[in-house]
């Protein structure tokens, strides 16, 4: 189960993070599109849609599990920490906590 979440999170990160870097790092600062495209009202209306909330939750939550899996095995294989249950609790528990926070924040929009 953790490996499937790791794999899906890696795909989400590989596909969407470069797009977000392009939009946030280049398109918006250099005014390559009209300001109305990324206006608050337009973005709020888009995020208020329940279908978009589910999409955003998937895009946000799956990379959390990707990181948790990488973190767990990196710490385990380097020998920094030997207690597997505690390490799993904190790494995957952090991903679950991040997902719960994302659900809460998306619910409030």
PDB file of N, CA and C in Angstrom:
ATOM      1  N   UNK A   1       0.822  -1.188   0.000  1.00  0.00           N
ATOM      2  CA  UNK A   1       0.000   0.000   0.000  1.00  0.00           C
ATOM      3  C   UNK A   1       0.872   1.261   0.000  1.00  0.00           C
ATOM      4  N   UNK A   2       1.916   1.294   0.836  1.00  0.00           N
ATOM      5  CA  UNK A   2       2.771   2.475   0.897  1.00  0.00           C
ATOM      6  C   UNK A   2       3.512   2.674  -0.416  1.00  0.00           C
ATOM      7  N   UNK A   3       3.898   1.564  -1.054  1.00  0.00           N
ATOM      8  CA  UNK A   3       4.630   1.687  -2.304  1.00  0.00           C
ATOM      9  C   UNK A   3       3.737   2.257  -3.398  1.00  0.00           C
ATOM     10  N   UNK A   4       2.478   1.883  -3.416  1.00  0.00           N
ATOM     11  CA  UNK A   4       1.551   2.419  -4.417  1.00  0.00           C
ATOM     12  C   UNK A   4       1.377   3.928  -4.221  1.00  0.00           C
ATOM     13  N   UNK A   5       1.253   4.373  -2.980  1.00  0.00           N
ATOM     14  CA  UNK A   5       1.148   5.809  -2.708  1.00  0.00           C
ATOM     15  C   UNK A   5       2.445   6.522  -3.076  1.00  0.00           C
ATOM     16  N   UNK A   6       3.591   5.858  -2.827  1.00  0.00           N
ATOM     17  CA  UNK A   6       4.887   6.411  -3.207  1.00  0.00           C
ATOM     18  C   UNK A   6       4.968   6.603  -4.716  1.00  0.00           C
ATOM     19  N   UNK A   7       4.574   5.597  -5.451  1.00  0.00           N
ATOM     20  CA  UNK A   7       4.637   5.659  -6.911  1.00  0.00           C
ATOM     21  C   UNK A   7       3.709   6.735  -7.463  1.00  0.00           C
ATOM     22  N   UNK A   8       2.497   6.776  -6.990  1.00  0.00           N
ATOM     23  CA  UNK A   8       1.541   7.786  -7.459  1.00  0.00           C
ATOM     24  C   UNK A   8       2.010   9.192  -7.095  1.00  0.00           C
ATOM     25  N   UNK A   9       2.582   9.344  -5.927  1.00  0.00           N
ATOM     26  CA  UNK A   9       3.106  10.648  -5.519  1.00  0.00           C
ATOM     27  C   UNK A   9       4.275  11.089  -6.371  1.00  0.00           C
ATOM     28  N   UNK A  10       5.115  10.156  -6.766  1.00  0.00           N
ATOM     29  CA  UNK A  10       6.226  10.485  -7.655  1.00  0.00           C
ATOM     30  C   UNK A  10       5.744  10.951  -9.010  1.00  0.00           C
ATOM     31  N   UNK A  11       4.725  10.302  -9.520  1.00  0.00           N
ATOM     32  CA  UNK A  11       4.156  10.714 -10.810  1.00  0.00           C
ATOM     33  C   UNK A  11       3.539  12.102 -10.691  1.00  0.00           C
ATOM     34  N   UNK A  12       2.770  12.333  -9.638  1.00  0.00           N
ATOM     35  CA  UNK A  12       2.158  13.650  -9.443  1.00  0.00           C
ATOM     36  C   UNK A  12       3.233  14.735  -9.328  1.00  0.00           C
ATOM     37  N   UNK A  13       4.273  14.451  -8.566  1.00  0.00           N
ATOM     38  CA  UNK A  13       5.341  15.437  -8.397  1.00  0.00           C
ATOM     39  C   UNK A  13       6.068  15.685  -9.715  1.00  0.00           C
ATOM     40  N   UNK A  14       6.311  14.634 -10.476  1.00  0.00           N
ATOM     41  CA  UNK A  14       7.031  14.789 -11.747  1.00  0.00           C
ATOM     42  C   UNK A  14       6.204  15.531 -12.783  1.00  0.00           C
ATOM     43  N   UNK A  15       4.905  15.389 -12.740  1.00  0.00           N
ATOM     44  CA  UNK A  15       4.052  16.022 -13.741  1.00  0.00           C
ATOM     45  C   UNK A  15       3.684  17.449 -13.342  1.00  0.00           C
ATOM     46  N   UNK A  16       3.278  17.664 -12.108  1.00  0.00           N
ATOM     47  CA  UNK A  16       2.695  18.941 -11.737  1.00  0.00           C
ATOM     48  C   UNK A  16       3.672  19.956 -11.159  1.00  0.00           C
ATOM     49  N   UNK A  17       4.728  19.537 -10.503  1.00  0.00           N
ATOM     50  CA  UNK A  17       5.657  20.515  -9.927  1.00  0.00           C
ATOM     51  C   UNK A  17       6.357  21.337 -11.009  1.00  0.00           C
ATOM     52  N   UNK A  18       6.813  20.750 -12.126  1.00  0.00           N
ATOM     53  CA  UNK A  18       7.382  21.610 -13.173  1.00  0.00           C
ATOM     54  C   UNK A  18       6.371  22.613 -13.743  1.00  0.00           C
ATOM     55  N   UNK A  19       5.127  22.208 -13.857  1.00  0.00           N
ATOM     56  CA  UNK A  19       4.097  23.129 -14.344  1.00  0.00           C
ATOM     57  C   UNK A  19       3.909  24.271 -13.348  1.00  0.00           C
ATOM     58  N   UNK A  20       3.857  23.953 -12.058  1.00  0.00           N
ATOM     59  CA  UNK A  20       3.707  25.003 -11.048  1.00  0.00           C
ATOM     60  C   UNK A  20       4.909  25.938 -11.026  1.00  0.00           C
ATOM     61  N   UNK A  21       6.115  25.406 -11.207  1.00  0.00           N
ATOM     62  CA  UNK A  21       7.307  26.249 -11.271  1.00  0.00           C
ATOM     63  C   UNK A  21       7.220  27.184 -12.466  1.00  0.00           C
ATOM     64  N   UNK A  22       6.773  26.664 -13.593  1.00  0.00           N
ATOM     65  CA  UNK A  22       6.625  27.491 -14.780  1.00  0.00           C
ATOM     66  C   UNK A  22       5.605  28.609 -14.557  1.00  0.00           C
ATOM     67  N   UNK A  23       4.466  28.260 -13.985  1.00  0.00           N
ATOM     68  CA  UNK A  23       3.414  29.267 -13.777  1.00  0.00           C
ATOM     69  C   UNK A  23       3.824  30.285 -12.715  1.00  0.00           C
ATOM     70  N   UNK A  24       4.238  29.807 -11.539  1.00  0.00           N
ATOM     71  CA  UNK A  24       4.531  30.703 -10.424  1.00  0.00           C
ATOM     72  C   UNK A  24       5.875  31.415 -10.597  1.00  0.00           C
ATOM     73  N   UNK A  25       6.833  30.746 -11.228  1.00  0.00           N
ATOM     74  CA  UNK A  25       8.163  31.326 -11.344  1.00  0.00           C
ATOM     75  C   UNK A  25       8.392  32.171 -12.571  1.00  0.00           C
ATOM     76  N   UNK A  26       7.637  31.935 -13.643  1.00  0.00           N
ATOM     77  CA  UNK A  26       7.905  32.666 -14.877  1.00  0.00           C
ATOM     78  C   UNK A  26       6.685  33.380 -15.460  1.00  0.00           C
ATOM     79  N   UNK A  27       5.587  32.684 -15.605  1.00  0.00           N
ATOM     80  CA  UNK A  27       4.437  33.267 -16.290  1.00  0.00           C
ATOM     81  C   UNK A  27       3.836  34.431 -15.504  1.00  0.00           C
ATOM     82  N   UNK A  28       3.606  34.254 -14.217  1.00  0.00           N
ATOM     83  CA  UNK A  28       3.009  35.328 -13.413  1.00  0.00           C
ATOM     84  C   UNK A  28       3.987  36.491 -13.200  1.00  0.00           C
ATOM     85  N   UNK A  29       5.234  36.252 -12.771  1.00  0.00           N
ATOM     86  CA  UNK A  29       6.124  37.400 -12.525  1.00  0.00           C
ATOM     87  C   UNK A  29       6.446  38.222 -13.776  1.00  0.00           C
ATOM     88  N   UNK A  30       6.549  37.573 -14.914  1.00  0.00           N
ATOM     89  CA  UNK A  30       6.905  38.303 -16.132  1.00  0.00           C
ATOM     90  C   UNK A  30       5.688  38.775 -16.921  1.00  0.00           C
ATOM     91  N   UNK A  31       4.503  38.691 -16.334  1.00  0.00           N
ATOM     92  CA  UNK A  31       3.253  39.161 -16.949  1.00  0.00           C
ATOM     93  C   UNK A  31       3.078  38.634 -18.373  1.00  0.00           C
ATOM     94  N   UNK A  32       3.249  37.336 -18.547  1.00  0.00           N
ATOM     95  CA  UNK A  32       3.096  36.726 -19.861  1.00  0.00           C
ATOM     96  C   UNK A  32       1.640  36.458 -20.214  1.00  0.00           C
ATOM     97  N   UNK A  33       0.756  36.565 -19.230  1.00  0.00           N
ATOM     98  CA  UNK A  33      -0.684  36.429 -19.473  1.00  0.00           C
ATOM     99  C   UNK A  33      -1.387  37.608 -18.796  1.00  0.00           C
ATOM    100  N   UNK A  34      -2.622  37.804 -19.161  1.00  0.00           N
ATOM    101  CA  UNK A  34      -3.422  38.882 -18.584  1.00  0.00           C
ATOM    102  C   UNK A  34      -3.628  38.627 -17.087  1.00  0.00           C
ATOM    103  N   UNK A  35      -3.665  39.682 -16.299  1.00  0.00           N
ATOM    104  CA  UNK A  35      -3.833  39.559 -14.841  1.00  0.00           C
ATOM    105  C   UNK A  35      -5.145  38.893 -14.458  1.00  0.00           C
ATOM    106  N   UNK A  36      -6.167  39.061 -15.285  1.00  0.00           N
ATOM    107  CA  UNK A  36      -7.477  38.499 -14.946  1.00  0.00           C
ATOM    108  C   UNK A  36      -7.477  36.968 -14.945  1.00  0.00           C
ATOM    109  N   UNK A  37      -6.517  36.357 -15.619  1.00  0.00           N
ATOM    110  CA  UNK A  37      -6.460  34.896 -15.665  1.00  0.00           C
ATOM    111  C   UNK A  37      -6.215  34.322 -14.276  1.00  0.00           C
ATOM    112  N   UNK A  38      -5.355  34.972 -13.493  1.00  0.00           N
ATOM    113  CA  UNK A  38      -5.031  34.480 -12.160  1.00  0.00           C
ATOM    114  C   UNK A  38      -5.617  35.383 -11.075  1.00  0.00           C
ATOM    115  N   UNK A  39      -6.745  36.012 -11.327  1.00  0.00           N
ATOM    116  CA  UNK A  39      -7.362  36.883 -10.333  1.00  0.00           C
ATOM    117  C   UNK A  39      -7.902  36.057  -9.170  1.00  0.00           C
ATOM    118  N   UNK A  40      -8.045  36.713  -8.033  1.00  0.00           N
ATOM    119  CA  UNK A  40      -8.517  36.026  -6.833  1.00  0.00           C
ATOM    120  C   UNK A  40      -9.907  35.435  -7.046  1.00  0.00           C
ATOM    121  N   UNK A  41     -10.792  36.207  -7.623  1.00  0.00           N
ATOM    122  CA  UNK A  41     -12.174  35.740  -7.816  1.00  0.00           C
ATOM    123  C   UNK A  41     -12.215  34.500  -8.706  1.00  0.00           C
ATOM    124  N   UNK A  42     -11.446  34.532  -9.768  1.00  0.00           N
ATOM    125  CA  UNK A  42     -11.440  33.394 -10.689  1.00  0.00           C
ATOM    126  C   UNK A  42     -10.845  32.143 -10.027  1.00  0.00           C
ATOM    127  N   UNK A  43      -9.747  32.309  -9.307  1.00  0.00           N
ATOM    128  CA  UNK A  43      -9.127  31.169  -8.634  1.00  0.00           C
ATOM    129  C   UNK A  43     -10.026  30.637  -7.519  1.00  0.00           C
ATOM    130  N   UNK A  44     -10.685  31.542  -6.785  1.00  0.00           N
ATOM    131  CA  UNK A  44     -11.586  31.121  -5.711  1.00  0.00           C
ATOM    132  C   UNK A  44     -12.765  30.327  -6.268  1.00  0.00           C
ATOM    133  N   UNK A  45     -13.322  30.790  -7.365  1.00  0.00           N
ATOM    134  CA  UNK A  45     -14.422  30.052  -7.996  1.00  0.00           C
ATOM    135  C   UNK A  45     -13.968  28.681  -8.485  1.00  0.00           C
ATOM    136  N   UNK A  46     -12.765  28.607  -9.011  1.00  0.00           N
ATOM    137  CA  UNK A  46     -12.258  27.318  -9.492  1.00  0.00           C
ATOM    138  C   UNK A  46     -12.047  26.347  -8.336  1.00  0.00           C
ATOM    139  N   UNK A  47     -11.456  26.832  -7.250  1.00  0.00           N
ATOM    140  CA  UNK A  47     -11.151  25.961  -6.110  1.00  0.00           C
ATOM    141  C   UNK A  47     -12.412  25.624  -5.323  1.00  0.00           C
ATOM    142  N   UNK A  48     -13.446  26.420  -5.425  1.00  0.00           N
ATOM    143  CA  UNK A  48     -14.697  26.134  -4.718  1.00  0.00           C
ATOM    144  C   UNK A  48     -15.462  24.963  -5.322  1.00  0.00           C
ATOM    145  N   UNK A  49     -15.146  24.594  -6.526  1.00  0.00           N
ATOM    146  CA  UNK A  49     -15.792  23.462  -7.182  1.00  0.00           C
ATOM    147  C   UNK A  49     -15.374  22.161  -6.483  1.00  0.00           C
ATOM    148  N   UNK A  50     -16.314  21.306  -6.063  1.00  0.00           N
ATOM    149  CA  UNK A  50     -15.958  20.069  -5.353  1.00  0.00           C
ATOM    150  C   UNK A  50     -15.046  19.136  -6.168  1.00  0.00           C
ATOM    151  N   UNK A  51     -15.255  19.080  -7.479  1.00  0.00           N
ATOM    152  CA  UNK A  51     -14.400  18.241  -8.320  1.00  0.00           C
ATOM    153  C   UNK A  51     -12.955  18.750  -8.294  1.00  0.00           C
ATOM    154  N   UNK A  52     -12.779  20.061  -8.327  1.00  0.00           N
ATOM    155  CA  UNK A  52     -11.442  20.651  -8.277  1.00  0.00           C
ATOM    156  C   UNK A  52     -10.798  20.418  -6.908  1.00  0.00           C
ATOM    157  N   UNK A  53     -11.599  20.418  -5.859  1.00  0.00           N
ATOM    158  CA  UNK A  53     -11.062  20.136  -4.521  1.00  0.00           C
ATOM    159  C   UNK A  53     -10.476  18.731  -4.458  1.00  0.00           C
ATOM    160  N   UNK A  54     -11.157  17.776  -5.072  1.00  0.00           N
ATOM    161  CA  UNK A  54     -10.653  16.399  -5.092  1.00  0.00           C
ATOM    162  C   UNK A  54      -9.354  16.322  -5.890  1.00  0.00           C
ATOM    163  N   UNK A  55      -9.316  17.000  -7.030  1.00  0.00           N
ATOM    164  CA  UNK A  55      -8.102  17.009  -7.842  1.00  0.00           C
ATOM    165  C   UNK A  55      -6.943  17.639  -7.064  1.00  0.00           C
ATOM    166  N   UNK A  56      -7.192  18.767  -6.424  1.00  0.00           N
ATOM    167  CA  UNK A  56      -6.148  19.412  -5.634  1.00  0.00           C
ATOM    168  C   UNK A  56      -5.700  18.544  -4.468  1.00  0.00           C
ATOM    169  N   UNK A  57      -6.618  17.855  -3.843  1.00  0.00           N
ATOM    170  CA  UNK A  57      -6.254  16.968  -2.741  1.00  0.00           C
ATOM    171  C   UNK A  57      -5.326  15.861  -3.226  1.00  0.00           C
ATOM    172  N   UNK A  58      -5.621  15.297  -4.371  1.00  0.00           N
ATOM    173  CA  UNK A  58      -4.757  14.246  -4.930  1.00  0.00           C
ATOM    174  C   UNK A  58      -3.376  14.810  -5.253  1.00  0.00           C
ATOM    175  N   UNK A  59      -3.351  15.992  -5.868  1.00  0.00           N
ATOM    176  CA  UNK A  59      -2.074  16.610  -6.236  1.00  0.00           C
ATOM    177  C   UNK A  59      -1.257  16.981  -5.006  1.00  0.00           C
ATOM    178  N   UNK A  60      -1.918  17.337  -3.920  1.00  0.00           N
ATOM    179  CA  UNK A  60      -1.217  17.727  -2.690  1.00  0.00           C
ATOM    180  C   UNK A  60      -0.832  16.507  -1.858  1.00  0.00           C
ATOM    181  N   UNK A  61      -1.747  15.563  -1.683  1.00  0.00           N
ATOM    182  CA  UNK A  61      -1.538  14.472  -0.731  1.00  0.00           C
ATOM    183  C   UNK A  61      -0.548  13.412  -1.238  1.00  0.00           C
ATOM    184  N   UNK A  62      -0.622  13.060  -2.494  1.00  0.00           N
ATOM    185  CA  UNK A  62       0.240  11.982  -2.979  1.00  0.00           C
ATOM    186  C   UNK A  62       1.736  12.300  -2.881  1.00  0.00           C
ATOM    187  N   UNK A  63       2.179  13.517  -3.187  1.00  0.00           N
ATOM    188  CA  UNK A  63       3.605  13.807  -2.945  1.00  0.00           C
ATOM    189  C   UNK A  63       4.015  13.729  -1.476  1.00  0.00           C
ATOM    190  N   UNK A  64       3.082  13.956  -0.546  1.00  0.00           N
ATOM    191  CA  UNK A  64       3.403  13.747   0.867  1.00  0.00           C
ATOM    192  C   UNK A  64       3.821  12.299   1.114  1.00  0.00           C
ATOM    193  N   UNK A  65       3.081  11.364   0.545  1.00  0.00           N
ATOM    194  CA  UNK A  65       3.405   9.950   0.731  1.00  0.00           C
ATOM    195  C   UNK A  65       4.668   9.565  -0.023  1.00  0.00           C
ATOM    196  N   UNK A  66       4.907  10.199  -1.158  1.00  0.00           N
ATOM    197  CA  UNK A  66       6.151   9.959  -1.893  1.00  0.00           C
ATOM    198  C   UNK A  66       7.344  10.366  -1.030  1.00  0.00           C
ATOM    199  N   UNK A  67       7.259  11.550  -0.441  1.00  0.00           N
ATOM    200  CA  UNK A  67       8.329  12.007   0.437  1.00  0.00           C
ATOM    201  C   UNK A  67       8.479  11.092   1.652  1.00  0.00           C
ATOM    202  N   UNK A  68       7.366  10.704   2.262  1.00  0.00           N
ATOM    203  CA  UNK A  68       7.431   9.863   3.461  1.00  0.00           C
ATOM    204  C   UNK A  68       8.136   8.550   3.171  1.00  0.00           C
ATOM    205  N   UNK A  69       7.828   7.935   2.039  1.00  0.00           N
ATOM    206  CA  UNK A  69       8.446   6.659   1.674  1.00  0.00           C
ATOM    207  C   UNK A  69       9.943   6.838   1.426  1.00  0.00           C
ATOM    208  N   UNK A  70      10.310   7.882   0.693  1.00  0.00           N
ATOM    209  CA  UNK A  70      11.740   8.149   0.443  1.00  0.00           C
ATOM    210  C   UNK A  70      12.473   8.460   1.743  1.00  0.00           C
ATOM    211  N   UNK A  71      11.865   9.265   2.588  1.00  0.00           N
ATOM    212  CA  UNK A  71      12.478   9.627   3.860  1.00  0.00           C
ATOM    213  C   UNK A  71      12.684   8.393   4.731  1.00  0.00           C
ATOM    214  N   UNK A  72      11.651   7.557   4.819  1.00  0.00           N
ATOM    215  CA  UNK A  72      11.723   6.350   5.642  1.00  0.00           C
ATOM    216  C   UNK A  72      12.888   5.457   5.214  1.00  0.00           C
ATOM    217  N   UNK A  73      12.965   5.150   3.933  1.00  0.00           N
ATOM    218  CA  UNK A  73      14.008   4.228   3.486  1.00  0.00           C
ATOM    219  C   UNK A  73      15.386   4.868   3.439  1.00  0.00           C
ATOM    220  N   UNK A  74      15.457   6.174   3.226  1.00  0.00           N
ATOM    221  CA  UNK A  74      16.760   6.843   3.274  1.00  0.00           C
ATOM    222  C   UNK A  74      17.327   6.800   4.684  1.00  0.00           C
ATOM    223  N   UNK A  75      16.525   7.139   5.661  1.00  0.00           N
ATOM    224  CA  UNK A  75      16.985   7.118   7.062  1.00  0.00           C
ATOM    225  C   UNK A  75      17.292   5.686   7.488  1.00  0.00           C
ATOM    226  N   UNK A  76      16.463   4.744   7.070  1.00  0.00           N
ATOM    227  CA  UNK A  76      16.659   3.350   7.452  1.00  0.00           C
ATOM    228  C   UNK A  76      17.937   2.775   6.838  1.00  0.00           C
ATOM    229  N   UNK A  77      18.176   3.021   5.572  1.00  0.00           N
ATOM    230  CA  UNK A  77      19.326   2.425   4.887  1.00  0.00           C
ATOM    231  C   UNK A  77      20.640   3.119   5.218  1.00  0.00           C
ATOM    232  N   UNK A  78      20.606   4.379   5.606  1.00  0.00           N
ATOM    233  CA  UNK A  78      21.841   5.038   6.014  1.00  0.00           C
ATOM    234  C   UNK A  78      22.225   4.680   7.444  1.00  0.00           C
ATOM    235  N   UNK A  79      21.308   4.094   8.186  1.00  0.00           N
ATOM    236  CA  UNK A  79      21.604   3.672   9.544  1.00  0.00           C
ATOM    237  C   UNK A  79      21.497   4.779  10.574  1.00  0.00           C
ATOM    238  N   UNK A  80      20.922   5.894  10.206  1.00  0.00           N
ATOM    239  CA  UNK A  80      20.782   7.001  11.159  1.00  0.00           C
ATOM    240  C   UNK A  80      19.828   6.615  12.282  1.00  0.00           C
ATOM    241  N   UNK A  81      18.796   5.861  11.957  1.00  0.00           N
ATOM    242  CA  UNK A  81      17.779   5.462  12.926  1.00  0.00           C
ATOM    243  C   UNK A  81      17.485   3.989  12.705  1.00  0.00           C
ATOM    244  N   UNK A  82      17.454   3.207  13.748  1.00  0.00           N
ATOM    245  CA  UNK A  82      17.257   1.764  13.621  1.00  0.00           C
ATOM    246  C   UNK A  82      15.857   1.291  14.007  1.00  0.00           C
ATOM    247  N   UNK A  83      15.099   2.115  14.699  1.00  0.00           N
ATOM    248  CA  UNK A  83      13.790   1.716  15.194  1.00  0.00           C
ATOM    249  C   UNK A  83      12.745   1.889  14.089  1.00  0.00           C
ATOM    250  N   UNK A  84      12.447   0.803  13.382  1.00  0.00           N
ATOM    251  CA  UNK A  84      11.543   0.862  12.229  1.00  0.00           C
ATOM    252  C   UNK A  84      10.134   1.338  12.569  1.00  0.00           C
ATOM    253  N   UNK A  85       9.496   0.827  13.618  1.00  0.00           N
ATOM    254  CA  UNK A  85       8.122   1.273  13.891  1.00  0.00           C
ATOM    255  C   UNK A  85       8.013   2.761  14.200  1.00  0.00           C
ATOM    256  N   UNK A  86       8.955   3.284  14.948  1.00  0.00           N
ATOM    257  CA  UNK A  86       8.910   4.715  15.285  1.00  0.00           C
ATOM    258  C   UNK A  86       9.167   5.556  14.043  1.00  0.00           C
ATOM    259  N   UNK A  87      10.125   5.132  13.233  1.00  0.00           N
ATOM    260  CA  UNK A  87      10.431   5.846  12.003  1.00  0.00           C
ATOM    261  C   UNK A  87       9.242   5.812  11.040  1.00  0.00           C
ATOM    262  N   UNK A  88       8.602   4.665  10.918  1.00  0.00           N
ATOM    263  CA  UNK A  88       7.419   4.551  10.063  1.00  0.00           C
ATOM    264  C   UNK A  88       6.283   5.412  10.592  1.00  0.00           C
ATOM    265  N   UNK A  89       6.122   5.435  11.906  1.00  0.00           N
ATOM    266  CA  UNK A  89       5.068   6.254  12.504  1.00  0.00           C
ATOM    267  C   UNK A  89       5.254   7.724  12.165  1.00  0.00           C
ATOM    268  N   UNK A  90       6.481   8.222  12.313  1.00  0.00           N
ATOM    269  CA  UNK A  90       6.711   9.639  12.060  1.00  0.00           C
ATOM    270  C   UNK A  90       6.706   9.975  10.570  1.00  0.00           C
ATOM    271  N   UNK A  91       7.245   9.118   9.726  1.00  0.00           N
ATOM    272  CA  UNK A  91       7.281   9.455   8.301  1.00  0.00           C
ATOM    273  C   UNK A  91       5.897   9.336   7.671  1.00  0.00           C
ATOM    274  N   UNK A  92       5.257   8.179   7.815  1.00  0.00           N
ATOM    275  CA  UNK A  92       3.924   8.016   7.223  1.00  0.00           C
ATOM    276  C   UNK A  92       2.856   8.773   8.015  1.00  0.00           C
ATOM    277  N   UNK A  93       3.058   8.905   9.306  1.00  0.00           N
ATOM    278  CA  UNK A  93       2.148   9.713  10.108  1.00  0.00           C
ATOM    279  C   UNK A  93       2.193  11.181   9.703  1.00  0.00           C
ATOM    280  N   UNK A  94       3.386  11.659   9.336  1.00  0.00           N
ATOM    281  CA  UNK A  94       3.499  13.025   8.836  1.00  0.00           C
ATOM    282  C   UNK A  94       2.748  13.208   7.534  1.00  0.00           C
ATOM    283  N   UNK A  95       2.819  12.206   6.654  1.00  0.00           N
ATOM    284  CA  UNK A  95       2.085  12.272   5.388  1.00  0.00           C
ATOM    285  C   UNK A  95       0.580  12.259   5.629  1.00  0.00           C
ATOM    286  N   UNK A  96       0.144  11.427   6.550  1.00  0.00           N
ATOM    287  CA  UNK A  96      -1.282  11.376   6.879  1.00  0.00           C
ATOM    288  C   UNK A  96      -1.729  12.691   7.503  1.00  0.00           C
ATOM    289  N   UNK A  97      -0.914  13.246   8.391  1.00  0.00           N
ATOM    290  CA  UNK A  97      -1.233  14.533   9.013  1.00  0.00           C
ATOM    291  C   UNK A  97      -1.310  15.643   7.968  1.00  0.00           C
ATOM    292  N   UNK A  98      -0.352  15.669   7.050  1.00  0.00           N
ATOM    293  CA  UNK A  98      -0.382  16.659   5.976  1.00  0.00           C
ATOM    294  C   UNK A  98      -1.618  16.528   5.110  1.00  0.00           C
ATOM    295  N   UNK A  99      -2.033  15.298   4.850  1.00  0.00           N
ATOM    296  CA  UNK A  99      -3.243  15.067   4.064  1.00  0.00           C
ATOM    297  C   UNK A  99      -4.479  15.547   4.807  1.00  0.00           C
ATOM    298  N   UNK A 100      -4.545  15.290   6.098  1.00  0.00           N
ATOM    299  CA  UNK A 100      -5.685  15.749   6.903  1.00  0.00           C
ATOM    300  C   UNK A 100      -5.735  17.267   6.933  1.00  0.00           C
ATOM    301  N   UNK A 101      -4.586  17.913   7.053  1.00  0.00           N
ATOM    302  CA  UNK A 101      -4.554  19.381   7.040  1.00  0.00           C
ATOM    303  C   UNK A 101      -5.008  19.901   5.677  1.00  0.00           C
ATOM    304  N   UNK A 102      -4.578  19.245   4.602  1.00  0.00           N
ATOM    305  CA  UNK A 102      -5.004  19.655   3.257  1.00  0.00           C
ATOM    306  C   UNK A 102      -6.510  19.501   3.096  1.00  0.00           C
ATOM    307  N   UNK A 103      -7.075  18.405   3.605  1.00  0.00           N
ATOM    308  CA  UNK A 103      -8.528  18.211   3.539  1.00  0.00           C
ATOM    309  C   UNK A 103      -9.231  19.328   4.290  1.00  0.00           C
ATOM    310  N   UNK A 104      -8.748  19.631   5.477  1.00  0.00           N
ATOM    311  CA  UNK A 104      -9.355  20.690   6.290  1.00  0.00           C
ATOM    312  C   UNK A 104      -9.305  22.038   5.571  1.00  0.00           C
ATOM    313  N   UNK A 105      -8.154  22.381   5.010  1.00  0.00           N
ATOM    314  CA  UNK A 105      -8.017  23.674   4.329  1.00  0.00           C
ATOM    315  C   UNK A 105      -8.849  23.741   3.059  1.00  0.00           C
ATOM    316  N   UNK A 106      -8.897  22.648   2.300  1.00  0.00           N
ATOM    317  CA  UNK A 106      -9.730  22.635   1.095  1.00  0.00           C
ATOM    318  C   UNK A 106     -11.216  22.669   1.446  1.00  0.00           C
ATOM    319  N   UNK A 107     -11.590  22.071   2.553  1.00  0.00           N
ATOM    320  CA  UNK A 107     -12.991  22.073   2.972  1.00  0.00           C
ATOM    321  C   UNK A 107     -13.457  23.501   3.276  1.00  0.00           C
ATOM    322  N   UNK A 108     -12.543  24.302   3.825  1.00  0.00           N
ATOM    323  CA  UNK A 108     -12.895  25.669   4.225  1.00  0.00           C
ATOM    324  C   UNK A 108     -13.027  26.622   3.039  1.00  0.00           C
ATOM    325  N   UNK A 109     -12.519  26.261   1.886  1.00  0.00           N
ATOM    326  CA  UNK A 109     -12.582  27.167   0.725  1.00  0.00           C
ATOM    327  C   UNK A 109     -13.980  27.181   0.170  1.00  0.00           C
TER     328      UNK A 109
END
